């Protein structure tokens, strides 16, 4: 019986992985499953808990936590919802602001709705005082998007499109334009996270850069 249960569990996981969404449509006219995107022997890092003080540098663990915070916030019944709300006010960015504002308040309790509204105001204030450059925030958003896309994280449905739109809107800035051109050619202007799927990560960023520069 135990063997049958394990088999059924494995089968269910296999079905879920097979159903995982494919390439972002704008990035590949003929999308392939995420599993085919990875080099032989590569494997994405496992998700990490999101109890962190902030994001100081890119890294797959930080990216996983960032994504987990946002995914959790979309589920009003999540046990860690309150903790995620606190975390996003520390690690949040422009995407977080848009994401929280767009959450359907009817899905949340009245108290949660007020908490979300307060978090939005807090993020607006912190974004106004942010000292991060356009270059840094844009590249970090693209890196998080690549991680979400390659790991089939639910945030791949919203984060990449937002990040690409922001990058396109800022691409005329000389510093960012230079970085995007370098990225498109496979040269990266800053340290990328060490991971088990580094090559796939770099290729995804190259695709993003190509799409932004084509606009």
Protein backbone atom coordinates (compact mmCIF):
# COMPACT_ATOMS: atom_id res chain seq x y z
CA UNK A 1 0.00 0.00 0.00
CA UNK A 2 2.83 2.39 0.88
CA UNK A 3 4.49 1.67 -2.46
CA UNK A 4 1.22 2.48 -4.30
CA UNK A 5 0.87 5.74 -2.40
CA UNK A 6 4.41 6.79 -3.28
CA UNK A 7 3.78 5.93 -6.90
CA UNK A 8 0.57 7.97 -6.95
CA UNK A 9 2.34 10.89 -5.32
CA UNK A 10 5.16 10.71 -7.82
CA UNK A 11 2.67 10.54 -10.67
CA UNK A 12 0.83 13.60 -9.37
CA UNK A 13 4.07 15.55 -9.12
CA UNK A 14 4.98 14.49 -12.63
CA UNK A 15 1.62 15.70 -13.95
CA UNK A 16 2.04 19.05 -12.20
CA UNK A 17 5.52 19.50 -13.62
CA UNK A 18 4.33 18.60 -17.09
CA UNK A 19 1.53 21.15 -16.82
CA UNK A 20 3.87 23.90 -15.72
CA UNK A 21 3.52 26.95 -17.96
CA UNK A 22 5.83 27.29 -20.95
CA UNK A 23 8.10 30.09 -22.19
CA UNK A 24 6.80 33.66 -22.00
CA UNK A 25 5.08 33.94 -25.37
CA UNK A 26 6.77 37.18 -26.41
CA UNK A 27 10.21 35.70 -25.78
CA UNK A 28 9.90 32.62 -27.94
CA UNK A 29 7.59 32.20 -30.96
CA UNK A 30 7.83 28.44 -30.50
CA UNK A 31 7.90 27.93 -26.72
CA UNK A 32 9.37 24.83 -25.17
CA UNK A 33 8.66 23.33 -21.75
CA UNK A 34 10.83 24.69 -18.95
CA UNK A 35 12.40 21.29 -18.45
CA UNK A 36 13.81 21.44 -21.98
CA UNK A 37 15.28 24.89 -21.30
CA UNK A 38 17.70 23.57 -18.69
CA UNK A 39 21.08 22.18 -19.63
CA UNK A 40 21.67 18.49 -19.03
CA UNK A 41 22.32 17.91 -15.36
CA UNK A 42 21.03 21.33 -14.30
CA UNK A 43 18.44 21.71 -11.59
CA UNK A 44 16.85 24.82 -10.05
CA UNK A 45 17.51 25.55 -6.40
CA UNK A 46 14.71 24.49 -4.03
CA UNK A 47 12.37 27.23 -2.71
CA UNK A 48 13.43 28.93 0.49
CA UNK A 49 11.39 30.39 3.34
CA UNK A 50 10.83 34.09 3.10
CA UNK A 51 11.69 35.18 6.64
CA UNK A 52 14.50 37.55 5.69
CA UNK A 53 15.41 41.12 6.64
CA UNK A 54 15.98 42.32 3.10
CA UNK A 55 17.61 41.79 -0.28
CA UNK A 56 21.10 43.24 -0.46
CA UNK A 57 22.48 41.29 -3.41
CA UNK A 58 21.14 38.95 -6.08
CA UNK A 59 21.13 35.26 -5.35
CA UNK A 60 18.82 32.34 -6.03
CA UNK A 61 17.84 32.04 -2.37
CA UNK A 62 16.93 35.73 -2.21
CA UNK A 63 14.96 35.45 -5.43
CA UNK A 64 13.06 32.42 -4.18
CA UNK A 65 12.18 34.26 -0.98
CA UNK A 66 11.06 37.36 -2.87
CA UNK A 67 8.77 35.27 -5.05
CA UNK A 68 7.44 33.29 -2.07
CA UNK A 69 6.47 36.51 -0.27
CA UNK A 70 4.41 37.70 -3.23
CA UNK A 71 2.85 34.31 -3.91
CA UNK A 72 1.81 34.00 -0.27
CA UNK A 73 0.21 37.43 -0.27
CA UNK A 74 -2.21 36.37 -2.99
CA UNK A 75 -3.66 33.69 -0.70
CA UNK A 76 -5.67 35.22 2.17
CA UNK A 77 -5.88 31.81 3.88
CA UNK A 78 -2.11 31.24 3.95
CA UNK A 79 -0.82 30.61 7.47
CA UNK A 80 2.16 32.92 6.84
CA UNK A 81 0.13 35.69 5.21
CA UNK A 82 0.80 38.18 8.01
CA UNK A 83 4.52 37.47 7.97
CA UNK A 84 4.61 37.88 4.21
CA UNK A 85 2.89 41.25 4.51
CA UNK A 86 5.56 42.42 6.95
CA UNK A 87 8.33 41.05 4.74
CA UNK A 88 7.12 42.76 1.57
CA UNK A 89 7.30 46.15 3.27
CA UNK A 90 11.01 45.50 3.81
CA UNK A 91 12.01 43.82 0.56
CA UNK A 92 9.32 45.20 -1.74
CA UNK A 93 9.90 47.28 -4.86
CA UNK A 94 7.93 48.85 -7.68
CA UNK A 95 6.49 45.53 -8.72
CA UNK A 96 5.37 44.84 -5.15
CA UNK A 97 3.51 48.15 -5.11
CA UNK A 98 1.65 47.31 -8.31
CA UNK A 99 1.05 43.73 -7.23
CA UNK A 100 -0.49 44.64 -3.86
CA UNK A 101 -2.63 47.39 -5.36
CA UNK A 102 -4.03 44.95 -7.94
CA UNK A 103 -4.98 42.19 -5.50
CA UNK A 104 -8.75 41.71 -5.47
CA UNK A 105 -9.84 43.05 -2.10
CA UNK A 106 -13.06 41.03 -2.26
CA UNK A 107 -10.99 37.88 -1.74
CA UNK A 108 -9.72 39.17 1.61
CA UNK A 109 -11.31 39.96 4.93
CA UNK A 110 -12.01 43.58 5.79
CA UNK A 111 -9.04 43.61 8.18
CA UNK A 112 -6.72 42.13 5.55
CA UNK A 113 -7.91 44.67 3.00
CA UNK A 114 -6.99 47.51 5.34
CA UNK A 115 -3.61 45.91 6.00
CA UNK A 116 -2.97 45.66 2.26
CA UNK A 117 -3.89 49.31 1.77
CA UNK A 118 -1.53 50.31 4.59
CA UNK A 119 1.25 48.22 3.03
CA UNK A 120 0.70 49.98 -0.30
CA UNK A 121 1.09 53.37 1.36
CA UNK A 122 4.21 52.16 3.17
CA UNK A 123 5.73 50.93 -0.10
CA UNK A 124 4.90 54.21 -1.86
CA UNK A 125 6.82 56.08 0.82
CA UNK A 126 9.80 53.72 0.73
CA UNK A 127 9.95 53.80 -3.06
CA UNK A 128 9.93 57.59 -3.03
CA UNK A 129 12.93 57.55 -0.69
CA UNK A 130 14.77 54.72 -2.44
CA UNK A 131 18.38 55.38 -3.39
CA UNK A 132 18.62 52.46 -5.81
CA UNK A 133 19.49 53.43 -9.37
CA UNK A 134 17.29 52.66 -12.36
CA UNK A 135 20.04 50.34 -13.59
CA UNK A 136 20.08 48.31 -10.38
CA UNK A 137 16.31 48.05 -9.96
CA UNK A 138 15.76 47.14 -13.62
CA UNK A 139 18.43 44.43 -13.73
CA UNK A 140 17.24 42.96 -10.43
CA UNK A 141 13.66 42.78 -11.73
CA UNK A 142 14.83 41.00 -14.88
CA UNK A 143 16.89 38.55 -12.81
CA UNK A 144 13.94 37.76 -10.56
CA UNK A 145 11.79 37.30 -13.64
CA UNK A 146 14.24 34.84 -15.15
CA UNK A 147 14.28 32.85 -11.93
CA UNK A 148 10.47 32.81 -11.73
CA UNK A 149 10.21 31.72 -15.35
CA UNK A 150 12.81 28.96 -15.15
CA UNK A 151 11.44 27.51 -11.91
CA UNK A 152 7.81 27.67 -13.10
CA UNK A 153 6.94 29.86 -10.12
CA UNK A 154 3.36 31.24 -10.24
CA UNK A 155 4.83 34.75 -10.27
CA UNK A 156 5.99 34.11 -13.84
CA UNK A 157 2.47 35.13 -14.88
CA UNK A 158 2.94 38.73 -13.76
CA UNK A 159 6.53 39.63 -12.88
CA UNK A 160 8.27 39.16 -16.27
CA UNK A 161 5.75 41.25 -18.19
CA UNK A 162 6.01 44.03 -15.60
CA UNK A 163 9.81 43.92 -15.56
CA UNK A 164 10.05 43.99 -19.35
CA UNK A 165 7.64 46.91 -19.58
CA UNK A 166 9.69 48.84 -17.01
CA UNK A 167 12.93 48.03 -18.82
CA UNK A 168 11.50 49.16 -22.15
CA UNK A 169 10.38 52.43 -20.60
CA UNK A 170 13.84 53.14 -19.17
CA UNK A 171 15.99 51.67 -21.96
CA UNK A 172 16.93 55.08 -23.35
CA UNK A 173 19.04 55.78 -20.27
CA UNK A 174 22.68 55.37 -21.37
CA UNK A 175 23.80 53.27 -18.41
CA UNK A 176 20.91 50.83 -18.73
CA UNK A 177 21.14 50.73 -22.51
CA UNK A 178 24.81 49.77 -22.29
CA UNK A 179 24.03 47.03 -19.77
CA UNK A 180 21.21 45.63 -21.93
CA UNK A 181 23.42 45.52 -25.02
CA UNK A 182 26.09 43.71 -23.03
CA UNK A 183 23.50 41.29 -21.68
CA UNK A 184 22.19 40.58 -25.17
CA UNK A 185 25.69 39.66 -26.33
CA UNK A 186 26.22 37.39 -23.33
CA UNK A 187 28.33 39.76 -21.27
CA UNK A 188 26.90 40.56 -17.85
CA UNK A 189 27.73 43.78 -16.03
CA UNK A 190 27.30 42.37 -12.55
CA UNK A 191 27.66 39.13 -10.66
CA UNK A 192 24.91 36.65 -11.40
CA UNK A 193 23.78 34.19 -8.75
CA UNK A 194 25.67 30.95 -8.59
CA UNK A 195 23.21 28.14 -9.15
CA UNK A 196 22.76 24.73 -10.69
CA UNK A 197 21.19 26.24 -13.78
CA UNK A 198 23.44 29.21 -14.47
CA UNK A 199 23.62 28.69 -18.25
CA UNK A 200 19.84 28.65 -18.62
CA UNK A 201 19.59 31.72 -16.41
CA UNK A 202 22.00 33.63 -18.63
CA UNK A 203 20.17 32.60 -21.79
CA UNK A 204 16.88 33.80 -20.37
CA UNK A 205 18.38 37.20 -19.54
CA UNK A 206 19.76 37.41 -23.06
CA UNK A 207 16.25 36.85 -24.42
CA UNK A 208 14.86 39.56 -22.18
CA UNK A 209 17.52 42.02 -23.30
CA UNK A 210 16.89 41.20 -26.93
CA UNK A 211 13.17 41.81 -26.52
CA UNK A 212 13.69 45.15 -24.74
CA UNK A 213 16.19 46.40 -27.33
CA UNK A 214 13.89 45.40 -30.19
CA UNK A 215 11.25 47.89 -29.02
